[in-house]
Amino acid sequence: AGLRSRLPYLAALGVDGLWISPWY
């Protein structure tokens, strides 16, 4: 939920994608 809320921040930062450490 926190990550989803910050997706606009990451998109605006200018990166092309995310590597997400284990969420399992």
mmCIF file of all heavy atoms, coordinates in Angstrom:
data_MODEL
# 
_entry.id   MODEL 
# 
loop_
_atom_site.group_PDB 
_atom_site.id 
_atom_site.type_symbol 
_atom_site.label_atom_id 
_atom_site.label_alt_id 
_atom_site.label_comp_id 
_atom_site.label_asym_id 
_atom_site.label_entity_id 
_atom_site.label_seq_id 
_atom_site.pdbx_PDB_ins_code 
_atom_site.Cartn_x 
_atom_site.Cartn_y 
_atom_site.Cartn_z 
_atom_site.occupancy 
_atom_site.B_iso_or_equiv 
_atom_site.pdbx_formal_charge 
_atom_site.auth_seq_id 
_atom_site.auth_comp_id 
_atom_site.auth_asym_id 
_atom_site.auth_atom_id 
_atom_site.pdbx_PDB_model_num 
ATOM 1   N N   . ALA A 1 1  ? 0.839  -1.203  0.000   1.00 0.00 ? 1  ALA A N   1 
ATOM 2   C CA  . ALA A 1 1  ? 0.000  0.000   0.000   1.00 0.00 ? 1  ALA A CA  1 
ATOM 3   C C   . ALA A 1 1  ? 0.872  1.251   0.000   1.00 0.00 ? 1  ALA A C   1 
ATOM 4   O O   . ALA A 1 1  ? 0.599  2.223   -0.719  1.00 0.00 ? 1  ALA A O   1 
ATOM 5   C CB  . ALA A 1 1  ? -0.932 -0.005  1.210   1.00 0.00 ? 1  ALA A CB  1 
ATOM 6   N N   . GLY A 1 2  ? 1.919  1.236   0.804   1.00 0.00 ? 2  GLY A N   1 
ATOM 7   C CA  . GLY A 1 2  ? 2.835  2.372   0.822   1.00 0.00 ? 2  GLY A CA  1 
ATOM 8   C C   . GLY A 1 2  ? 3.560  2.542   -0.501  1.00 0.00 ? 2  GLY A C   1 
ATOM 9   O O   . GLY A 1 2  ? 3.705  3.664   -1.006  1.00 0.00 ? 2  GLY A O   1 
ATOM 10  N N   . LEU A 1 3  ? 3.990  1.435   -1.090  1.00 0.00 ? 3  LEU A N   1 
ATOM 11  C CA  . LEU A 1 3  ? 4.679  1.503   -2.377  1.00 0.00 ? 3  LEU A CA  1 
ATOM 12  C C   . LEU A 1 3  ? 3.746  2.020   -3.463  1.00 0.00 ? 3  LEU A C   1 
ATOM 13  O O   . LEU A 1 3  ? 4.129  2.874   -4.280  1.00 0.00 ? 3  LEU A O   1 
ATOM 14  C CB  . LEU A 1 3  ? 5.230  0.119   -2.741  1.00 0.00 ? 3  LEU A CB  1 
ATOM 15  C CG  . LEU A 1 3  ? 5.884  -0.033  -4.114  1.00 0.00 ? 3  LEU A CG  1 
ATOM 16  C CD1 . LEU A 1 3  ? 6.971  1.005   -4.344  1.00 0.00 ? 3  LEU A CD1 1 
ATOM 17  C CD2 . LEU A 1 3  ? 6.450  -1.444  -4.273  1.00 0.00 ? 3  LEU A CD2 1 
ATOM 18  N N   . ARG A 1 4  ? 2.523  1.530   -3.487  1.00 0.00 ? 4  ARG A N   1 
ATOM 19  C CA  . ARG A 1 4  ? 1.564  1.991   -4.499  1.00 0.00 ? 4  ARG A CA  1 
ATOM 20  C C   . ARG A 1 4  ? 1.316  3.491   -4.364  1.00 0.00 ? 4  ARG A C   1 
ATOM 21  O O   . ARG A 1 4  ? 1.198  4.198   -5.367  1.00 0.00 ? 4  ARG A O   1 
ATOM 22  C CB  . ARG A 1 4  ? 0.262  1.215   -4.372  1.00 0.00 ? 4  ARG A CB  1 
ATOM 23  C CG  . ARG A 1 4  ? 0.358  -0.249  -4.798  1.00 0.00 ? 4  ARG A CG  1 
ATOM 24  C CD  . ARG A 1 4  ? -0.890 -1.023  -4.453  1.00 0.00 ? 4  ARG A CD  1 
ATOM 25  N NE  . ARG A 1 4  ? -2.054 -0.496  -5.160  1.00 0.00 ? 4  ARG A NE  1 
ATOM 26  C CZ  . ARG A 1 4  ? -3.308 -0.760  -4.802  1.00 0.00 ? 4  ARG A CZ  1 
ATOM 27  N NH1 . ARG A 1 4  ? -3.558 -1.513  -3.723  1.00 0.00 ? 4  ARG A NH1 1 
ATOM 28  N NH2 . ARG A 1 4  ? -4.300 -0.277  -5.506  1.00 0.00 ? 4  ARG A NH2 1 
ATOM 29  N N   . SER A 1 5  ? 1.265  3.980   -3.137  1.00 0.00 ? 5  SER A N   1 
ATOM 30  C CA  . SER A 1 5  ? 1.009  5.406   -2.940  1.00 0.00 ? 5  SER A CA  1 
ATOM 31  C C   . SER A 1 5  ? 2.172  6.269   -3.414  1.00 0.00 ? 5  SER A C   1 
ATOM 32  O O   . SER A 1 5  ? 1.987  7.470   -3.676  1.00 0.00 ? 5  SER A O   1 
ATOM 33  C CB  . SER A 1 5  ? 0.719  5.695   -1.464  1.00 0.00 ? 5  SER A CB  1 
ATOM 34  O OG  . SER A 1 5  ? 1.910  5.620   -0.685  1.00 0.00 ? 5  SER A OG  1 
ATOM 35  N N   . ARG A 1 6  ? 3.362  5.680   -3.526  1.00 0.00 ? 6  ARG A N   1 
ATOM 36  C CA  . ARG A 1 6  ? 4.554  6.438   -3.923  1.00 0.00 ? 6  ARG A CA  1 
ATOM 37  C C   . ARG A 1 6  ? 4.951  6.198   -5.377  1.00 0.00 ? 6  ARG A C   1 
ATOM 38  O O   . ARG A 1 6  ? 6.000  6.692   -5.806  1.00 0.00 ? 6  ARG A O   1 
ATOM 39  C CB  . ARG A 1 6  ? 5.722  6.071   -3.006  1.00 0.00 ? 6  ARG A CB  1 
ATOM 40  C CG  . ARG A 1 6  ? 5.484  6.343   -1.521  1.00 0.00 ? 6  ARG A CG  1 
ATOM 41  C CD  . ARG A 1 6  ? 5.338  7.835   -1.233  1.00 0.00 ? 6  ARG A CD  1 
ATOM 42  N NE  . ARG A 1 6  ? 5.204  8.089   0.205   1.00 0.00 ? 6  ARG A NE  1 
ATOM 43  C CZ  . ARG A 1 6  ? 5.111  9.294   0.750   1.00 0.00 ? 6  ARG A CZ  1 
ATOM 44  N NH1 . ARG A 1 6  ? 5.122  10.364  -0.032  1.00 0.00 ? 6  ARG A NH1 1 
ATOM 45  N NH2 . ARG A 1 6  ? 4.991  9.436   2.061   1.00 0.00 ? 6  ARG A NH2 1 
ATOM 46  N N   . LEU A 1 7  ? 4.142  5.476   -6.139  1.00 0.00 ? 7  LEU A N   1 
ATOM 47  C CA  . LEU A 1 7  ? 4.466  5.275   -7.544  1.00 0.00 ? 7  LEU A CA  1 
ATOM 48  C C   . LEU A 1 7  ? 4.595  6.595   -8.308  1.00 0.00 ? 7  LEU A C   1 
ATOM 49  O O   . LEU A 1 7  ? 5.496  6.732   -9.159  1.00 0.00 ? 7  LEU A O   1 
ATOM 50  C CB  . LEU A 1 7  ? 3.431  4.368   -8.212  1.00 0.00 ? 7  LEU A CB  1 
ATOM 51  C CG  . LEU A 1 7  ? 3.509  2.874   -7.860  1.00 0.00 ? 7  LEU A CG  1 
ATOM 52  C CD1 . LEU A 1 7  ? 2.369  2.116   -8.527  1.00 0.00 ? 7  LEU A CD1 1 
ATOM 53  C CD2 . LEU A 1 7  ? 4.850  2.278   -8.263  1.00 0.00 ? 7  LEU A CD2 1 
ATOM 54  N N   . PRO A 1 8  ? 3.742  7.598   -8.055  1.00 0.00 ? 8  PRO A N   1 
ATOM 55  C CA  . PRO A 1 8  ? 3.953  8.877   -8.749  1.00 0.00 ? 8  PRO A CA  1 
ATOM 56  C C   . PRO A 1 8  ? 5.317  9.494   -8.459  1.00 0.00 ? 8  PRO A C   1 
ATOM 57  O O   . PRO A 1 8  ? 5.930  10.086  -9.354  1.00 0.00 ? 8  PRO A O   1 
ATOM 58  C CB  . PRO A 1 8  ? 2.805  9.750   -8.219  1.00 0.00 ? 8  PRO A CB  1 
ATOM 59  C CG  . PRO A 1 8  ? 1.738  8.780   -7.836  1.00 0.00 ? 8  PRO A CG  1 
ATOM 60  C CD  . PRO A 1 8  ? 2.473  7.594   -7.290  1.00 0.00 ? 8  PRO A CD  1 
ATOM 61  N N   . TYR A 1 9  ? 5.795  9.362   -7.236  1.00 0.00 ? 9  TYR A N   1 
ATOM 62  C CA  . TYR A 1 9  ? 7.125  9.864   -6.893  1.00 0.00 ? 9  TYR A CA  1 
ATOM 63  C C   . TYR A 1 9  ? 8.194  9.166   -7.728  1.00 0.00 ? 9  TYR A C   1 
ATOM 64  O O   . TYR A 1 9  ? 9.098  9.816   -8.285  1.00 0.00 ? 9  TYR A O   1 
ATOM 65  C CB  . TYR A 1 9  ? 7.387  9.651   -5.408  1.00 0.00 ? 9  TYR A CB  1 
ATOM 66  C CG  . TYR A 1 9  ? 8.839  9.770   -5.000  1.00 0.00 ? 9  TYR A CG  1 
ATOM 67  C CD1 . TYR A 1 9  ? 9.431  11.015  -4.830  1.00 0.00 ? 9  TYR A CD1 1 
ATOM 68  C CD2 . TYR A 1 9  ? 9.623  8.639   -4.789  1.00 0.00 ? 9  TYR A CD2 1 
ATOM 69  C CE1 . TYR A 1 9  ? 10.769 11.135  -4.454  1.00 0.00 ? 9  TYR A CE1 1 
ATOM 70  C CE2 . TYR A 1 9  ? 10.953 8.739   -4.415  1.00 0.00 ? 9  TYR A CE2 1 
ATOM 71  C CZ  . TYR A 1 9  ? 11.519 9.993   -4.251  1.00 0.00 ? 9  TYR A CZ  1 
ATOM 72  O OH  . TYR A 1 9  ? 12.847 10.092  -3.889  1.00 0.00 ? 9  TYR A OH  1 
ATOM 73  N N   . LEU A 1 10 ? 8.086  7.839   -7.849  1.00 0.00 ? 10 LEU A N   1 
ATOM 74  C CA  . LEU A 1 10 ? 9.098  7.082   -8.580  1.00 0.00 ? 10 LEU A CA  1 
ATOM 75  C C   . LEU A 1 10 ? 9.037  7.374   -10.071 1.00 0.00 ? 10 LEU A C   1 
ATOM 76  O O   . LEU A 1 10 ? 10.073 7.482   -10.740 1.00 0.00 ? 10 LEU A O   1 
ATOM 77  C CB  . LEU A 1 10 ? 8.912  5.592   -8.303  1.00 0.00 ? 10 LEU A CB  1 
ATOM 78  C CG  . LEU A 1 10 ? 9.190  5.180   -6.856  1.00 0.00 ? 10 LEU A CG  1 
ATOM 79  C CD1 . LEU A 1 10 ? 8.677  3.771   -6.586  1.00 0.00 ? 10 LEU A CD1 1 
ATOM 80  C CD2 . LEU A 1 10 ? 10.673 5.274   -6.535  1.00 0.00 ? 10 LEU A CD2 1 
ATOM 81  N N   . ALA A 1 11 ? 7.839  7.511   -10.609 1.00 0.00 ? 11 ALA A N   1 
ATOM 82  C CA  . ALA A 1 11 ? 7.716  7.848   -12.023 1.00 0.00 ? 11 ALA A CA  1 
ATOM 83  C C   . ALA A 1 11 ? 8.312  9.226   -12.299 1.00 0.00 ? 11 ALA A C   1 
ATOM 84  O O   . ALA A 1 11 ? 9.024  9.432   -13.291 1.00 0.00 ? 11 ALA A O   1 
ATOM 85  C CB  . ALA A 1 11 ? 6.256  7.786   -12.449 1.00 0.00 ? 11 ALA A CB  1 
ATOM 86  N N   . ALA A 1 12 ? 8.037  10.179  -11.400 1.00 0.00 ? 12 ALA A N   1 
ATOM 87  C CA  . ALA A 1 12 ? 8.567  11.533  -11.580 1.00 0.00 ? 12 ALA A CA  1 
ATOM 88  C C   . ALA A 1 12 ? 10.078 11.591  -11.372 1.00 0.00 ? 12 ALA A C   1 
ATOM 89  O O   . ALA A 1 12 ? 10.752 12.466  -11.927 1.00 0.00 ? 12 ALA A O   1 
ATOM 90  C CB  . ALA A 1 12 ? 7.867  12.499  -10.617 1.00 0.00 ? 12 ALA A CB  1 
ATOM 91  N N   . LEU A 1 13 ? 10.628 10.659  -10.585 1.00 0.00 ? 13 LEU A N   1 
ATOM 92  C CA  . LEU A 1 13 ? 12.075 10.618  -10.387 1.00 0.00 ? 13 LEU A CA  1 
ATOM 93  C C   . LEU A 1 13 ? 12.789 10.381  -11.711 1.00 0.00 ? 13 LEU A C   1 
ATOM 94  O O   . LEU A 1 13 ? 13.887 10.884  -11.934 1.00 0.00 ? 13 LEU A O   1 
ATOM 95  C CB  . LEU A 1 13 ? 12.424 9.524   -9.374  1.00 0.00 ? 13 LEU A CB  1 
ATOM 96  C CG  . LEU A 1 13 ? 13.897 9.324   -9.015  1.00 0.00 ? 13 LEU A CG  1 
ATOM 97  C CD1 . LEU A 1 13 ? 14.482 10.586  -8.387  1.00 0.00 ? 13 LEU A CD1 1 
ATOM 98  C CD2 . LEU A 1 13 ? 14.058 8.125   -8.077  1.00 0.00 ? 13 LEU A CD2 1 
ATOM 99  N N   . GLY A 1 14 ? 12.160 9.613   -12.601 1.00 0.00 ? 14 GLY A N   1 
ATOM 100 C CA  . GLY A 1 14 ? 12.734 9.387   -13.913 1.00 0.00 ? 14 GLY A CA  1 
ATOM 101 C C   . GLY A 1 14 ? 13.319 8.011   -14.136 1.00 0.00 ? 14 GLY A C   1 
ATOM 102 O O   . GLY A 1 14 ? 14.006 7.791   -15.142 1.00 0.00 ? 14 GLY A O   1 
ATOM 103 N N   . VAL A 1 15 ? 13.056 7.071   -13.222 1.00 0.00 ? 15 VAL A N   1 
ATOM 104 C CA  . VAL A 1 15 ? 13.551 5.715   -13.428 1.00 0.00 ? 15 VAL A CA  1 
ATOM 105 C C   . VAL A 1 15 ? 12.625 4.977   -14.396 1.00 0.00 ? 15 VAL A C   1 
ATOM 106 O O   . VAL A 1 15 ? 11.488 5.380   -14.631 1.00 0.00 ? 15 VAL A O   1 
ATOM 107 C CB  . VAL A 1 15 ? 13.659 4.947   -12.099 1.00 0.00 ? 15 VAL A CB  1 
ATOM 108 C CG1 . VAL A 1 15 ? 14.699 5.594   -11.197 1.00 0.00 ? 15 VAL A CG1 1 
ATOM 109 C CG2 . VAL A 1 15 ? 12.316 4.863   -11.380 1.00 0.00 ? 15 VAL A CG2 1 
ATOM 110 N N   . ASP A 1 16 ? 13.144 3.893   -14.964 1.00 0.00 ? 16 ASP A N   1 
ATOM 111 C CA  . ASP A 1 16 ? 12.391 3.116   -15.943 1.00 0.00 ? 16 ASP A CA  1 
ATOM 112 C C   . ASP A 1 16 ? 11.663 1.928   -15.329 1.00 0.00 ? 16 ASP A C   1 
ATOM 113 O O   . ASP A 1 16 ? 10.792 1.342   -15.979 1.00 0.00 ? 16 ASP A O   1 
ATOM 114 C CB  . ASP A 1 16 ? 13.331 2.611   -17.037 1.00 0.00 ? 16 ASP A CB  1 
ATOM 115 C CG  . ASP A 1 16 ? 13.988 3.757   -17.783 1.00 0.00 ? 16 ASP A CG  1 
ATOM 116 O OD1 . ASP A 1 16 ? 13.271 4.560   -18.386 1.00 0.00 ? 16 ASP A OD1 1 
ATOM 117 O OD2 . ASP A 1 16 ? 15.238 3.861   -17.731 1.00 0.00 ? 16 ASP A OD2 1 
ATOM 118 N N   . GLY A 1 17 ? 12.037 1.555   -14.132 1.00 0.00 ? 17 GLY A N   1 
ATOM 119 C CA  . GLY A 1 17 ? 11.393 0.407   -13.523 1.00 0.00 ? 17 GLY A CA  1 
ATOM 120 C C   . GLY A 1 17 ? 11.852 0.208   -12.096 1.00 0.00 ? 17 GLY A C   1 
ATOM 121 O O   . GLY A 1 17 ? 12.741 0.919   -11.592 1.00 0.00 ? 17 GLY A O   1 
ATOM 122 N N   . LEU A 1 18 ? 11.249 -0.784  -11.452 1.00 0.00 ? 18 LEU A N   1 
ATOM 123 C CA  . LEU A 1 18 ? 11.534 -1.103  -10.058 1.00 0.00 ? 18 LEU A CA  1 
ATOM 124 C C   . LEU A 1 18 ? 12.009 -2.542  -9.946  1.00 0.00 ? 18 LEU A C   1 
ATOM 125 O O   . LEU A 1 18 ? 11.454 -3.445  -10.577 1.00 0.00 ? 18 LEU A O   1 
ATOM 126 C CB  . LEU A 1 18 ? 10.278 -0.935  -9.192  1.00 0.00 ? 18 LEU A CB  1 
ATOM 127 C CG  . LEU A 1 18 ? 9.479  0.359   -9.347  1.00 0.00 ? 18 LEU A CG  1 
ATOM 128 C CD1 . LEU A 1 18 ? 8.270  0.326   -8.414  1.00 0.00 ? 18 LEU A CD1 1 
ATOM 129 C CD2 . LEU A 1 18 ? 10.348 1.571   -9.077  1.00 0.00 ? 18 LEU A CD2 1 
ATOM 130 N N   . TRP A 1 19 ? 13.045 -2.734  -9.144  1.00 0.00 ? 19 TRP A N   1 
ATOM 131 C CA  . TRP A 1 19 ? 13.394 -4.078  -8.676  1.00 0.00 ? 19 TRP A CA  1 
ATOM 132 C C   . TRP A 1 19 ? 12.901 -4.146  -7.239  1.00 0.00 ? 19 TRP A C   1 
ATOM 133 O O   . TRP A 1 19 ? 13.345 -3.376  -6.389  1.00 0.00 ? 19 TRP A O   1 
ATOM 134 C CB  . TRP A 1 19 ? 14.901 -4.316  -8.790  1.00 0.00 ? 19 TRP A CB  1 
ATOM 135 C CG  . TRP A 1 19 ? 15.440 -5.317  -7.803  1.00 0.00 ? 19 TRP A CG  1 
ATOM 136 C CD1 . TRP A 1 19 ? 14.808 -6.416  -7.303  1.00 0.00 ? 19 TRP A CD1 1 
ATOM 137 C CD2 . TRP A 1 19 ? 16.739 -5.298  -7.179  1.00 0.00 ? 19 TRP A CD2 1 
ATOM 138 N NE1 . TRP A 1 19 ? 15.623 -7.089  -6.420  1.00 0.00 ? 19 TRP A NE1 1 
ATOM 139 C CE2 . TRP A 1 19 ? 16.807 -6.427  -6.323  1.00 0.00 ? 19 TRP A CE2 1 
ATOM 140 C CE3 . TRP A 1 19 ? 17.830 -4.454  -7.279  1.00 0.00 ? 19 TRP A CE3 1 
ATOM 141 C CZ2 . TRP A 1 19 ? 17.938 -6.711  -5.559  1.00 0.00 ? 19 TRP A CZ2 1 
ATOM 142 C CZ3 . TRP A 1 19 ? 18.960 -4.742  -6.521  1.00 0.00 ? 19 TRP A CZ3 1 
ATOM 143 C CH2 . TRP A 1 19 ? 19.020 -5.863  -5.678  1.00 0.00 ? 19 TRP A CH2 1 
ATOM 144 N N   . ILE A 1 20 ? 11.991 -5.075  -6.990  1.00 0.00 ? 20 ILE A N   1 
ATOM 145 C CA  . ILE A 1 20 ? 11.389 -5.207  -5.663  1.00 0.00 ? 20 ILE A CA  1 
ATOM 146 C C   . ILE A 1 20 ? 12.039 -6.384  -4.940  1.00 0.00 ? 20 ILE A C   1 
ATOM 147 O O   . ILE A 1 20 ? 11.949 -7.531  -5.387  1.00 0.00 ? 20 ILE A O   1 
ATOM 148 C CB  . ILE A 1 20 ? 9.867  -5.399  -5.759  1.00 0.00 ? 20 ILE A CB  1 
ATOM 149 C CG1 . ILE A 1 20 ? 9.246  -4.225  -6.526  1.00 0.00 ? 20 ILE A CG1 1 
ATOM 150 C CG2 . ILE A 1 20 ? 9.255  -5.509  -4.368  1.00 0.00 ? 20 ILE A CG2 1 
ATOM 151 C CD1 . ILE A 1 20 ? 7.743  -4.361  -6.742  1.00 0.00 ? 20 ILE A CD1 1 
ATOM 152 N N   . SER A 1 21 ? 12.703 -6.102  -3.824  1.00 0.00 ? 21 SER A N   1 
ATOM 153 C CA  . SER A 1 21 ? 13.282 -7.158  -3.000  1.00 0.00 ? 21 SER A CA  1 
ATOM 154 C C   . SER A 1 21 ? 12.173 -8.070  -2.491  1.00 0.00 ? 21 SER A C   1 
ATOM 155 O O   . SER A 1 21 ? 10.996 -7.720  -2.538  1.00 0.00 ? 21 SER A O   1 
ATOM 156 C CB  . SER A 1 21 ? 14.070 -6.541  -1.844  1.00 0.00 ? 21 SER A CB  1 
ATOM 157 O OG  . SER A 1 21 ? 15.226 -5.885  -2.323  1.00 0.00 ? 21 SER A OG  1 
ATOM 158 N N   . PRO A 1 22 ? 12.509 -9.259  -1.987  1.00 0.00 ? 22 PRO A N   1 
ATOM 159 C CA  . PRO A 1 22 ? 11.485 -10.275 -1.744  1.00 0.00 ? 22 PRO A CA  1 
ATOM 160 C C   . PRO A 1 22 ? 10.268 -9.778  -0.971  1.00 0.00 ? 22 PRO A C   1 
ATOM 161 O O   . PRO A 1 22 ? 10.399 -9.189  0.097   1.00 0.00 ? 22 PRO A O   1 
ATOM 162 C CB  . PRO A 1 22 ? 12.242 -11.341 -0.952  1.00 0.00 ? 22 PRO A CB  1 
ATOM 163 C CG  . PRO A 1 22 ? 13.633 -11.249 -1.474  1.00 0.00 ? 22 PRO A CG  1 
ATOM 164 C CD  . PRO A 1 22 ? 13.859 -9.774  -1.675  1.00 0.00 ? 22 PRO A CD  1 
ATOM 165 N N   . TRP A 1 23 ? 9.110  -10.069 -1.537  1.00 0.00 ? 23 TRP A N   1 
ATOM 166 C CA  . TRP A 1 23 ? 7.830  -9.716  -0.915  1.00 0.00 ? 23 TRP A CA  1 
ATOM 167 C C   . TRP A 1 23 ? 7.047  -10.957 -0.527  1.00 0.00 ? 23 TRP A C   1 
ATOM 168 O O   . TRP A 1 23 ? 5.909  -10.885 -0.126  1.00 0.00 ? 23 TRP A O   1 
ATOM 169 C CB  . TRP A 1 23 ? 7.020  -8.831  -1.845  1.00 0.00 ? 23 TRP A CB  1 
ATOM 170 C CG  . TRP A 1 23 ? 6.753  -9.358  -3.246  1.00 0.00 ? 23 TRP A CG  1 
ATOM 171 C CD1 . TRP A 1 23 ? 7.019  -10.613 -3.744  1.00 0.00 ? 23 TRP A CD1 1 
ATOM 172 C CD2 . TRP A 1 23 ? 6.153  -8.627  -4.317  1.00 0.00 ? 23 TRP A CD2 1 
ATOM 173 N NE1 . TRP A 1 23 ? 6.642  -10.702 -5.057  1.00 0.00 ? 23 TRP A NE1 1 
ATOM 174 C CE2 . TRP A 1 23 ? 6.103  -9.505  -5.444  1.00 0.00 ? 23 TRP A CE2 1 
ATOM 175 C CE3 . TRP A 1 23 ? 5.644  -7.346  -4.453  1.00 0.00 ? 23 TRP A CE3 1 
ATOM 176 C CZ2 . TRP A 1 23 ? 5.560  -9.115  -6.675  1.00 0.00 ? 23 TRP A CZ2 1 
ATOM 177 C CZ3 . TRP A 1 23 ? 5.114  -6.965  -5.677  1.00 0.00 ? 23 TRP A CZ3 1 
ATOM 178 C CH2 . TRP A 1 23 ? 5.068  -7.836  -6.774  1.00 0.00 ? 23 TRP A CH2 1 
ATOM 179 N N   . TYR A 1 24 ? 7.680  -12.119 -0.642  1.00 0.00 ? 24 TYR A N   1 
ATOM 180 C CA  . TYR A 1 24 ? 7.001  -13.388 -0.428  1.00 0.00 ? 24 TYR A CA  1 
ATOM 181 C C   . TYR A 1 24 ? 6.774  -13.674 1.064   1.00 0.00 ? 24 TYR A C   1 
ATOM 182 O O   . TYR A 1 24 ? 7.378  -13.047 1.941   1.00 0.00 ? 24 TYR A O   1 
ATOM 183 C CB  . TYR A 1 24 ? 7.833  -14.523 -1.024  1.00 0.00 ? 24 TYR A CB  1 
ATOM 184 C CG  . TYR A 1 24 ? 8.332  -14.265 -2.419  1.00 0.00 ? 24 TYR A CG  1 
ATOM 185 C CD1 . TYR A 1 24 ? 9.682  -13.978 -2.650  1.00 0.00 ? 24 TYR A CD1 1 
ATOM 186 C CD2 . TYR A 1 24 ? 7.475  -14.290 -3.507  1.00 0.00 ? 24 TYR A CD2 1 
ATOM 187 C CE1 . TYR A 1 24 ? 10.156 -13.741 -3.926  1.00 0.00 ? 24 TYR A CE1 1 
ATOM 188 C CE2 . TYR A 1 24 ? 7.945  -14.049 -4.797  1.00 0.00 ? 24 TYR A CE2 1 
ATOM 189 C CZ  . TYR A 1 24 ? 9.281  -13.763 -5.000  1.00 0.00 ? 24 TYR A CZ  1 
ATOM 190 O OH  . TYR A 1 24 ? 9.744  -13.519 -6.262  1.00 0.00 ? 24 TYR A OH  1 
# 
